[in-house]
Each structure stands twice: as structure tokens, then as C-alpha cells.
PDB file of N, CA and C in Angstrom:
ATOM      1  N   MET A   1       4.225 -47.584  -8.957  1.00  0.00           N
ATOM      2  CA  MET A   1       4.436 -47.068  -7.323  1.00  0.00           C
ATOM      3  C   MET A   1       4.082 -48.317  -6.843  1.00  0.00           C
ATOM      4  N   THR A   2       4.958 -48.080  -5.761  1.00  0.00           N
ATOM      5  CA  THR A   2       4.449 -49.530  -4.686  1.00  0.00           C
ATOM      6  C   THR A   2       3.711 -48.870  -3.479  1.00  0.00           C
ATOM      7  N   ASN A   3       2.990 -49.879  -2.757  1.00  0.00           N
ATOM      8  CA  ASN A   3       2.314 -49.380  -1.541  1.00  0.00           C
ATOM      9  C   ASN A   3       3.288 -48.883  -0.554  1.00  0.00           C
ATOM     10  N   GLN A   4       4.804 -49.078  -0.688  1.00  0.00           N
ATOM     11  CA  GLN A   4       5.679 -48.648   0.735  1.00  0.00           C
ATOM     12  C   GLN A   4       5.897 -46.805   0.176  1.00  0.00           C
ATOM     13  N   ASN A   5       5.990 -47.140  -1.106  1.00  0.00           N
ATOM     14  CA  ASN A   5       6.275 -45.481  -1.418  1.00  0.00           C
ATOM     15  C   ASN A   5       5.610 -43.843  -1.315  1.00  0.00           C
ATOM     16  N   THR A   6       4.017 -44.803  -1.174  1.00  0.00           N
ATOM     17  CA  THR A   6       2.483 -44.093  -0.718  1.00  0.00           C
ATOM     18  C   THR A   6       2.851 -43.122   0.097  1.00  0.00           C
ATOM     19  N   PRO A   7       3.126 -43.581   1.587  1.00  0.00           N
ATOM     20  CA  PRO A   7       3.211 -43.152   2.204  1.00  0.00           C
ATOM     21  C   PRO A   7       4.232 -42.072   2.114  1.00  0.00           C
ATOM     22  N   VAL A   8       5.079 -42.287   1.588  1.00  0.00           N
ATOM     23  CA  VAL A   8       6.292 -41.043   1.709  1.00  0.00           C
ATOM     24  C   VAL A   8       5.868 -39.716   0.679  1.00  0.00           C
ATOM     25  N   LEU A   9       4.884 -40.292  -0.318  1.00  0.00           N
ATOM     26  CA  LEU A   9       4.964 -39.189  -1.273  1.00  0.00           C
ATOM     27  C   LEU A   9       3.524 -38.646  -0.213  1.00  0.00           C
ATOM     28  N   ILE A  10       2.760 -39.062   0.553  1.00  0.00           N
ATOM     29  CA  ILE A  10       1.945 -38.481   0.925  1.00  0.00           C
ATOM     30  C   ILE A  10       2.222 -37.396   1.966  1.00  0.00           C
ATOM     31  N   ASP A  11       3.298 -38.145   2.671  1.00  0.00           N
ATOM     32  CA  ASP A  11       3.709 -37.037   3.827  1.00  0.00           C
ATOM     33  C   ASP A  11       4.852 -36.034   3.011  1.00  0.00           C
ATOM     34  N   GLN A  12       5.120 -36.116   2.010  1.00  0.00           N
ATOM     35  CA  GLN A  12       6.147 -35.419   1.396  1.00  0.00           C
ATOM     36  C   GLN A  12       4.666 -33.790   0.967  1.00  0.00           C
ATOM     37  N   GLU A  13       3.761 -34.419  -0.226  1.00  0.00           N
ATOM     38  CA  GLU A  13       2.784 -33.741  -0.128  1.00  0.00           C
ATOM     39  C   GLU A  13       2.046 -32.917   0.921  1.00  0.00           C
ATOM     40  N   LEU A  14       2.020 -33.374   2.099  1.00  0.00           N
ATOM     41  CA  LEU A  14       1.592 -32.856   3.275  1.00  0.00           C
ATOM     42  C   LEU A  14       2.342 -31.754   3.569  1.00  0.00           C
ATOM     43  N   ASP A  15       3.629 -31.973   4.025  1.00  0.00           N
ATOM     44  CA  ASP A  15       5.295 -31.032   4.268  1.00  0.00           C
ATOM     45  C   ASP A  15       4.882 -29.890   3.374  1.00  0.00           C
ATOM     46  N   GLN A  16       4.284 -30.122   1.759  1.00  0.00           N
ATOM     47  CA  GLN A  16       4.481 -28.728   0.893  1.00  0.00           C
ATOM     48  C   GLN A  16       2.963 -28.260   1.118  1.00  0.00           C
ATOM     49  N   LEU A  17       2.497 -28.733   1.769  1.00  0.00           N
ATOM     50  CA  LEU A  17       0.908 -28.308   1.273  1.00  0.00           C
ATOM     51  C   LEU A  17       0.994 -27.238   2.917  1.00  0.00           C
ATOM     52  N   GLU A  18       1.531 -28.018   4.102  1.00  0.00           N
ATOM     53  CA  GLU A  18       1.960 -26.887   4.945  1.00  0.00           C
ATOM     54  C   GLU A  18       2.425 -25.939   5.215  1.00  0.00           C
ATOM     55  N   GLU A  19       3.702 -25.866   4.109  1.00  0.00           N
ATOM     56  CA  GLU A  19       4.477 -25.388   3.860  1.00  0.00           C
ATOM     57  C   GLU A  19       4.157 -23.749   3.651  1.00  0.00           C
ATOM     58  N   LYS A  20       3.051 -24.335   2.125  1.00  0.00           N
ATOM     59  CA  LYS A  20       2.317 -22.995   1.049  1.00  0.00           C
ATOM     60  C   LYS A  20       1.269 -22.697   2.054  1.00  0.00           C
ATOM     61  N   VAL A  21       0.479 -23.374   2.933  1.00  0.00           N
ATOM     62  CA  VAL A  21      -0.804 -22.711   4.238  1.00  0.00           C
ATOM     63  C   VAL A  21       0.137 -21.869   5.017  1.00  0.00           C
ATOM     64  N   ASP A  22       1.568 -22.111   5.216  1.00  0.00           N
ATOM     65  CA  ASP A  22       2.011 -21.373   6.505  1.00  0.00           C
ATOM     66  C   ASP A  22       2.512 -19.991   5.957  1.00  0.00           C
ATOM     67  N   SER A  23       2.837 -20.032   4.462  1.00  0.00           N
ATOM     68  CA  SER A  23       3.306 -19.079   3.780  1.00  0.00           C
ATOM     69  C   SER A  23       1.836 -17.923   3.384  1.00  0.00           C
ATOM     70  N   LEU A  24       1.041 -18.443   3.035  1.00  0.00           N
ATOM     71  CA  LEU A  24      -0.135 -18.104   2.773  1.00  0.00           C
ATOM     72  C   LEU A  24      -0.536 -17.089   3.947  1.00  0.00           C
ATOM     73  N   LEU A  25      -0.439 -17.879   5.144  1.00  0.00           N
ATOM     74  CA  LEU A  25      -0.939 -17.280   6.425  1.00  0.00           C
ATOM     75  C   LEU A  25      -0.179 -15.850   7.058  1.00  0.00           C
ATOM     76  N   ASP A  26       1.275 -16.013   6.010  1.00  0.00           N
ATOM     77  CA  ASP A  26       2.111 -15.180   6.693  1.00  0.00           C
ATOM     78  C   ASP A  26       2.227 -13.671   5.881  1.00  0.00           C
ATOM     79  N   ILE A  27       1.691 -14.180   4.923  1.00  0.00           N
ATOM     80  CA  ILE A  27       0.878 -12.957   3.558  1.00  0.00           C
ATOM     81  C   ILE A  27      -0.052 -12.578   4.018  1.00  0.00           C
ATOM     82  N   ILE A  28      -1.104 -13.122   4.544  1.00  0.00           N
ATOM     83  CA  ILE A  28      -2.238 -12.905   4.996  1.00  0.00           C
ATOM     84  C   ILE A  28      -2.229 -11.894   6.196  1.00  0.00           C
ATOM     85  N   ASN A  29      -1.195 -11.866   7.387  1.00  0.00           N
ATOM     86  CA  ASN A  29      -0.662 -11.420   8.520  1.00  0.00           C
ATOM     87  C   ASN A  29       0.083 -10.088   8.010  1.00  0.00           C
ATOM     88  N   ARG A  30       1.100  -9.788   7.076  1.00  0.00           N
ATOM     89  CA  ARG A  30       1.418  -8.886   6.329  1.00  0.00           C
ATOM     90  C   ARG A  30       0.659  -7.812   5.964  1.00  0.00           C
ATOM     91  N   LEU A  31      -0.201  -8.375   4.938  1.00  0.00           N
ATOM     92  CA  LEU A  31      -1.452  -7.567   4.236  1.00  0.00           C
ATOM     93  C   LEU A  31      -2.493  -7.029   5.126  1.00  0.00           C
ATOM     94  N   THR A  32      -2.695  -7.982   6.276  1.00  0.00           N
ATOM     95  CA  THR A  32      -3.909  -7.290   7.059  1.00  0.00           C
ATOM     96  C   THR A  32      -2.828  -5.922   8.147  1.00  0.00           C
ATOM     97  N   GLN A  33      -1.925  -6.099   8.278  1.00  0.00           N
ATOM     98  CA  GLN A  33      -0.604  -5.029   9.115  1.00  0.00           C
ATOM     99  C   GLN A  33      -1.125  -4.056   8.187  1.00  0.00           C
ATOM    100  N   GLU A  34      -0.572  -4.139   7.016  1.00  0.00           N
ATOM    101  CA  GLU A  34      -0.287  -2.873   5.900  1.00  0.00           C
ATOM    102  C   GLU A  34      -2.037  -2.227   5.623  1.00  0.00           C
ATOM    103  N   ASN A  35      -2.727  -2.986   5.505  1.00  0.00           N
ATOM    104  CA  ASN A  35      -4.170  -2.637   5.628  1.00  0.00           C
ATOM    105  C   ASN A  35      -4.535  -1.705   6.781  1.00  0.00           C
ATOM    106  N   GLN A  36      -4.095  -1.958   7.913  1.00  0.00           N
ATOM    107  CA  GLN A  36      -4.392  -1.471   9.162  1.00  0.00           C
ATOM    108  C   GLN A  36      -3.411  -0.110   9.035  1.00  0.00           C
ATOM    109  N   SER A  37      -2.539  -0.173   8.735  1.00  0.00           N
ATOM    110  CA  SER A  37      -1.721   1.179   9.040  1.00  0.00           C
ATOM    111  C   SER A  37      -2.332   2.124   7.481  1.00  0.00           C
ATOM    112  N   LEU A  38      -2.665   1.921   6.219  1.00  0.00           N
ATOM    113  CA  LEU A  38      -2.990   2.335   5.123  1.00  0.00           C
ATOM    114  C   LEU A  38      -4.271   2.885   5.670  1.00  0.00           C
ATOM    115  N   ARG A  39      -5.299   2.420   6.036  1.00  0.00           N
ATOM    116  CA  ARG A  39      -6.491   3.191   7.162  1.00  0.00           C
ATOM    117  C   ARG A  39      -6.109   4.144   7.451  1.00  0.00           C
ATOM    118  N   SER A  40      -5.625   3.574   8.856  1.00  0.00           N
ATOM    119  CA  SER A  40      -4.945   4.981   9.690  1.00  0.00           C
ATOM    120  C   SER A  40      -4.002   6.249   8.620  1.00  0.00           C
ATOM    121  N   GLN A  41      -3.340   5.737   7.613  1.00  0.00           N
ATOM    122  CA  GLN A  41      -2.726   6.985   7.007  1.00  0.00           C
ATOM    123  C   GLN A  41      -3.953   7.980   6.202  1.00  0.00           C
ATOM    124  N   GLN A  42      -4.960   6.943   5.838  1.00  0.00           N
ATOM    125  CA  GLN A  42      -6.075   7.442   5.252  1.00  0.00           C
ATOM    126  C   GLN A  42      -6.775   8.272   6.331  1.00  0.00           C
ATOM    127  N   GLU A  43      -7.114   7.985   7.090  1.00  0.00           N
ATOM    128  CA  GLU A  43      -7.745   8.573   8.178  1.00  0.00           C
ATOM    129  C   GLU A  43      -7.028  10.090   8.767  1.00  0.00           C
ATOM    130  N   ALA A  44      -5.736   9.966   8.858  1.00  0.00           N
ATOM    131  CA  ALA A  44      -4.892  11.090   9.297  1.00  0.00           C
ATOM    132  C   ALA A  44      -4.941  12.152   7.838  1.00  0.00           C
ATOM    133  N   HIS A  45      -5.341  11.437   6.913  1.00  0.00           N
ATOM    134  CA  HIS A  45      -4.809  12.708   5.453  1.00  0.00           C
ATOM    135  C   HIS A  45      -6.364  13.120   5.687  1.00  0.00           C
ATOM    136  N   ALA A  46      -7.675  12.523   5.742  1.00  0.00           N
ATOM    137  CA  ALA A  46      -8.596  13.107   5.646  1.00  0.00           C
ATOM    138  C   ALA A  46      -8.697  14.244   6.548  1.00  0.00           C
ATOM    139  N   THR A  47      -7.937  13.695   8.226  1.00  0.00           N
ATOM    140  CA  THR A  47      -8.557  14.791   9.129  1.00  0.00           C
ATOM    141  C   THR A  47      -7.507  16.053   8.644  1.00  0.00           C
ATOM    142  N   GLU A  48      -6.224  15.961   8.012  1.00  0.00           N
ATOM    143  CA  GLU A  48      -6.022  17.098   7.617  1.00  0.00           C
ATOM    144  C   GLU A  48      -6.070  17.945   6.851  1.00  0.00           C
ATOM    145  N   ARG A  49      -6.664  17.200   5.563  1.00  0.00           N
ATOM    146  CA  ARG A  49      -7.358  17.877   4.400  1.00  0.00           C
ATOM    147  C   ARG A  49      -8.275  18.707   4.824  1.00  0.00           C
ATOM    148  N   ALA A  50      -9.497  17.696   5.649  1.00  0.00           N
ATOM    149  CA  ALA A  50     -10.385  18.942   6.374  1.00  0.00           C
ATOM    150  C   ALA A  50      -9.886  19.775   7.179  1.00  0.00           C
ATOM    151  N   GLY A  51      -9.027  19.720   7.880  1.00  0.00           N
ATOM    152  CA  GLY A  51      -8.015  21.403   8.592  1.00  0.00           C
ATOM    153  C   GLY A  51      -8.130  22.102   7.482  1.00  0.00           C
ATOM    154  N   LEU A  52      -7.216  21.614   6.260  1.00  0.00           N
ATOM    155  CA  LEU A  52      -6.597  22.728   5.170  1.00  0.00           C
ATOM    156  C   LEU A  52      -7.535  23.542   4.673  1.00  0.00           C
ATOM    157  N   LEU A  53      -8.786  22.421   4.202  1.00  0.00           N
ATOM    158  CA  LEU A  53     -10.005  23.014   3.677  1.00  0.00           C
ATOM    159  C   LEU A  53     -10.310  23.890   4.588  1.00  0.00           C
ATOM    160  N   GLU A  54     -10.766  24.256   5.887  1.00  0.00           N
ATOM    161  CA  GLU A  54     -11.601  24.884   6.538  1.00  0.00           C
ATOM    162  C   GLU A  54     -10.128  26.361   6.905  1.00  0.00           C
ATOM    163  N   ARG A  55      -8.737  25.624   6.555  1.00  0.00           N
ATOM    164  CA  ARG A  55      -7.557  27.277   6.812  1.00  0.00           C
ATOM    165  C   ARG A  55      -7.915  27.829   5.246  1.00  0.00           C
ATOM    166  N   HIS A  56      -8.214  27.111   4.632  1.00  0.00           N
ATOM    167  CA  HIS A  56      -8.148  27.634   3.113  1.00  0.00           C
ATOM    168  C   HIS A  56      -9.421  28.715   2.997  1.00  0.00           C
ATOM    169  N   ASP A  57     -10.248  28.576   3.655  1.00  0.00           N
ATOM    170  CA  ASP A  57     -11.969  29.357   3.708  1.00  0.00           C
ATOM    171  C   ASP A  57     -11.643  30.444   4.320  1.00  0.00           C
ATOM    172  N   GLN A  58     -10.484  30.151   5.431  1.00  0.00           N
ATOM    173  CA  GLN A  58     -10.577  30.973   6.669  1.00  0.00           C
ATOM    174  C   GLN A  58      -9.769  32.463   6.253  1.00  0.00           C
ATOM    175  N   VAL A  59      -8.445  32.087   5.485  1.00  0.00           N
ATOM    176  CA  VAL A  59      -7.909  32.884   4.821  1.00  0.00           C
ATOM    177  C   VAL A  59      -8.671  33.910   3.757  1.00  0.00           C
ATOM    178  N   ARG A  60      -9.206  32.821   2.666  1.00  0.00           N
ATOM    179  CA  ARG A  60     -10.230  33.640   1.633  1.00  0.00           C
ATOM    180  C   ARG A  60     -11.012  34.536   2.324  1.00  0.00           C
ATOM    181  N   ASN A  61     -11.544  34.228   3.326  1.00  0.00           N
ATOM    182  CA  ASN A  61     -12.659  35.366   3.927  1.00  0.00           C
ATOM    183  C   ASN A  61     -11.807  36.653   4.213  1.00  0.00           C
ATOM    184  N   ARG A  62     -10.753  36.407   4.666  1.00  0.00           N
ATOM    185  CA  ARG A  62     -10.047  37.385   5.002  1.00  0.00           C
ATOM    186  C   ARG A  62      -9.119  38.094   4.574  1.00  0.00           C
ATOM    187  N   VAL A  63      -8.803  37.210   2.790  1.00  0.00           N
ATOM    188  CA  VAL A  63      -8.326  38.225   1.771  1.00  0.00           C
ATOM    189  C   VAL A  63      -9.663  39.388   1.020  1.00  0.00           C
ATOM    190  N   GLU A  64     -10.969  38.429   1.226  1.00  0.00           N
ATOM    191  CA  GLU A  64     -12.035  39.225   0.721  1.00  0.00           C
ATOM    192  C   GLU A  64     -12.403  40.488   1.339  1.00  0.00           C
ATOM    193  N   ALA A  65     -12.163  40.075   2.628  1.00  0.00           N
ATOM    194  CA  ALA A  65     -12.438  41.507   3.491  1.00  0.00           C
ATOM    195  C   ALA A  65     -11.713  42.344   3.679  1.00  0.00           C
ATOM    196  N   ILE A  66      -9.911  41.897   3.038  1.00  0.00           N
ATOM    197  CA  ILE A  66      -9.282  43.079   2.894  1.00  0.00           C
ATOM    198  C   ILE A  66      -9.131  43.901   1.258  1.00  0.00           C
ATOM    199  N   VAL A  67      -9.494  43.039   0.479  1.00  0.00           N
ATOM    200  CA  VAL A  67     -10.151  43.450  -0.653  1.00  0.00           C
ATOM    201  C   VAL A  67     -11.234  44.344  -0.672  1.00  0.00           C
ATOM    202  N   THR A  68     -12.567  44.433  -0.110  1.00  0.00           N
ATOM    203  CA  THR A  68     -13.385  45.141   0.467  1.00  0.00           C
ATOM    204  C   THR A  68     -13.268  46.361   0.729  1.00  0.00           C
ATOM    205  N   ARG A  69     -12.416  45.990   1.934  1.00  0.00           N
ATOM    206  CA  ARG A  69     -12.174  47.322   2.474  1.00  0.00           C
ATOM    207  C   ARG A  69     -11.110  48.618   1.895  1.00  0.00           C
ATOM    208  N   LEU A  70     -10.298  47.760   0.966  1.00  0.00           N
ATOM    209  CA  LEU A  70      -9.442  48.732  -0.092  1.00  0.00           C
ATOM    210  C   LEU A  70     -10.571  49.035  -0.897  1.00  0.00           C
ATOM    211  N   LYS A  71     -11.448  48.617  -1.491  1.00  0.00           N
ATOM    212  CA  LYS A  71     -12.423  48.804  -2.226  1.00  0.00           C
ATOM    213  C   LYS A  71     -13.284  49.956  -2.016  1.00  0.00           C
ATOM    214  N   SER A  72     -13.460  50.231  -0.630  1.00  0.00           N
ATOM    215  CA  SER A  72     -14.259  51.305   0.020  1.00  0.00           C
ATOM    216  C   SER A  72     -13.146  52.543   0.215  1.00  0.00           C
ATOM    217  N   MET A  73     -11.989  51.999   0.598  1.00  0.00           N
ATOM    218  CA  MET A  73     -11.124  53.066   0.830  1.00  0.00           C
ATOM    219  C   MET A  73     -10.927  53.636  -0.467  1.00  0.00           C
ATOM    220  N   GLU A  74     -10.806  53.440  -1.661  1.00  0.00           N
ATOM    221  CA  GLU A  74     -10.357  53.800  -2.869  1.00  0.00           C
ATOM    222  C   GLU A  74     -11.496  54.786  -3.373  1.00  0.00           C
ATOM    223  N   THR A  75     -12.752  54.670  -3.459  1.00  0.00           N
ATOM    224  CA  THR A  75     -14.237  54.963  -3.666  1.00  0.00           C
ATOM    225  C   THR A  75     -13.977  56.500  -2.162  1.00  0.00           C
ATOM    226  N   SER A  76     -13.538  56.017  -1.364  1.00  0.00           N
ATOM    227  CA  SER A  76     -14.107  57.152  -0.466  1.00  0.00           C
ATOM    228  C   SER A  76     -13.212  58.578  -0.779  1.00  0.00           C
ATOM    229  N   THR A  77     -12.196  58.284  -1.318  1.00  0.00           N
ATOM    230  CA  THR A  77     -10.765  59.319  -1.443  1.00  0.00           C
ATOM    231  C   THR A  77     -11.238  60.020  -2.887  1.00  0.00           C
TER     232      THR A  77
END
């Protein structure tokens, strides 16, 4: 290898390294956005789940009250 080729090779290697760094930065940005989106979805699902659990408890209490009333009507007749 001659001294004249060395700067050209270094420039090529630097260009390749720059492309790889740019590619990695793009991946990091994409993954950061995806992570933020997934966290938002997770929060929304947690909120929805809490609401559904509350609704489930309300419905269960109403059904239990209806069953209790039916049993009391059955014993009173």
C-alpha cells in the first residue's frame, strides 16, 4: 500500500462509518417514537382496563342484588 492510497482509504472508511452512524441514528429515532407510542397505548389500555373492572364490579353487585331479591321473593311466597 502506498502513501497516496492511504488518505483515500481513510476517506472511504470515514464515509462508511458516517453512513453507519446515520443509519443507527435513524433506527434510534424510529425506536424512540415507537416506544413513546407503545407507552401511550399501554397507558390507554391500563385506563380502559380500570374502567372495565369498575364496570364489572358494578354489574356483579347489581346481579347479586337481583338474585337476593329473587330469593327473598321466593321465600316469602
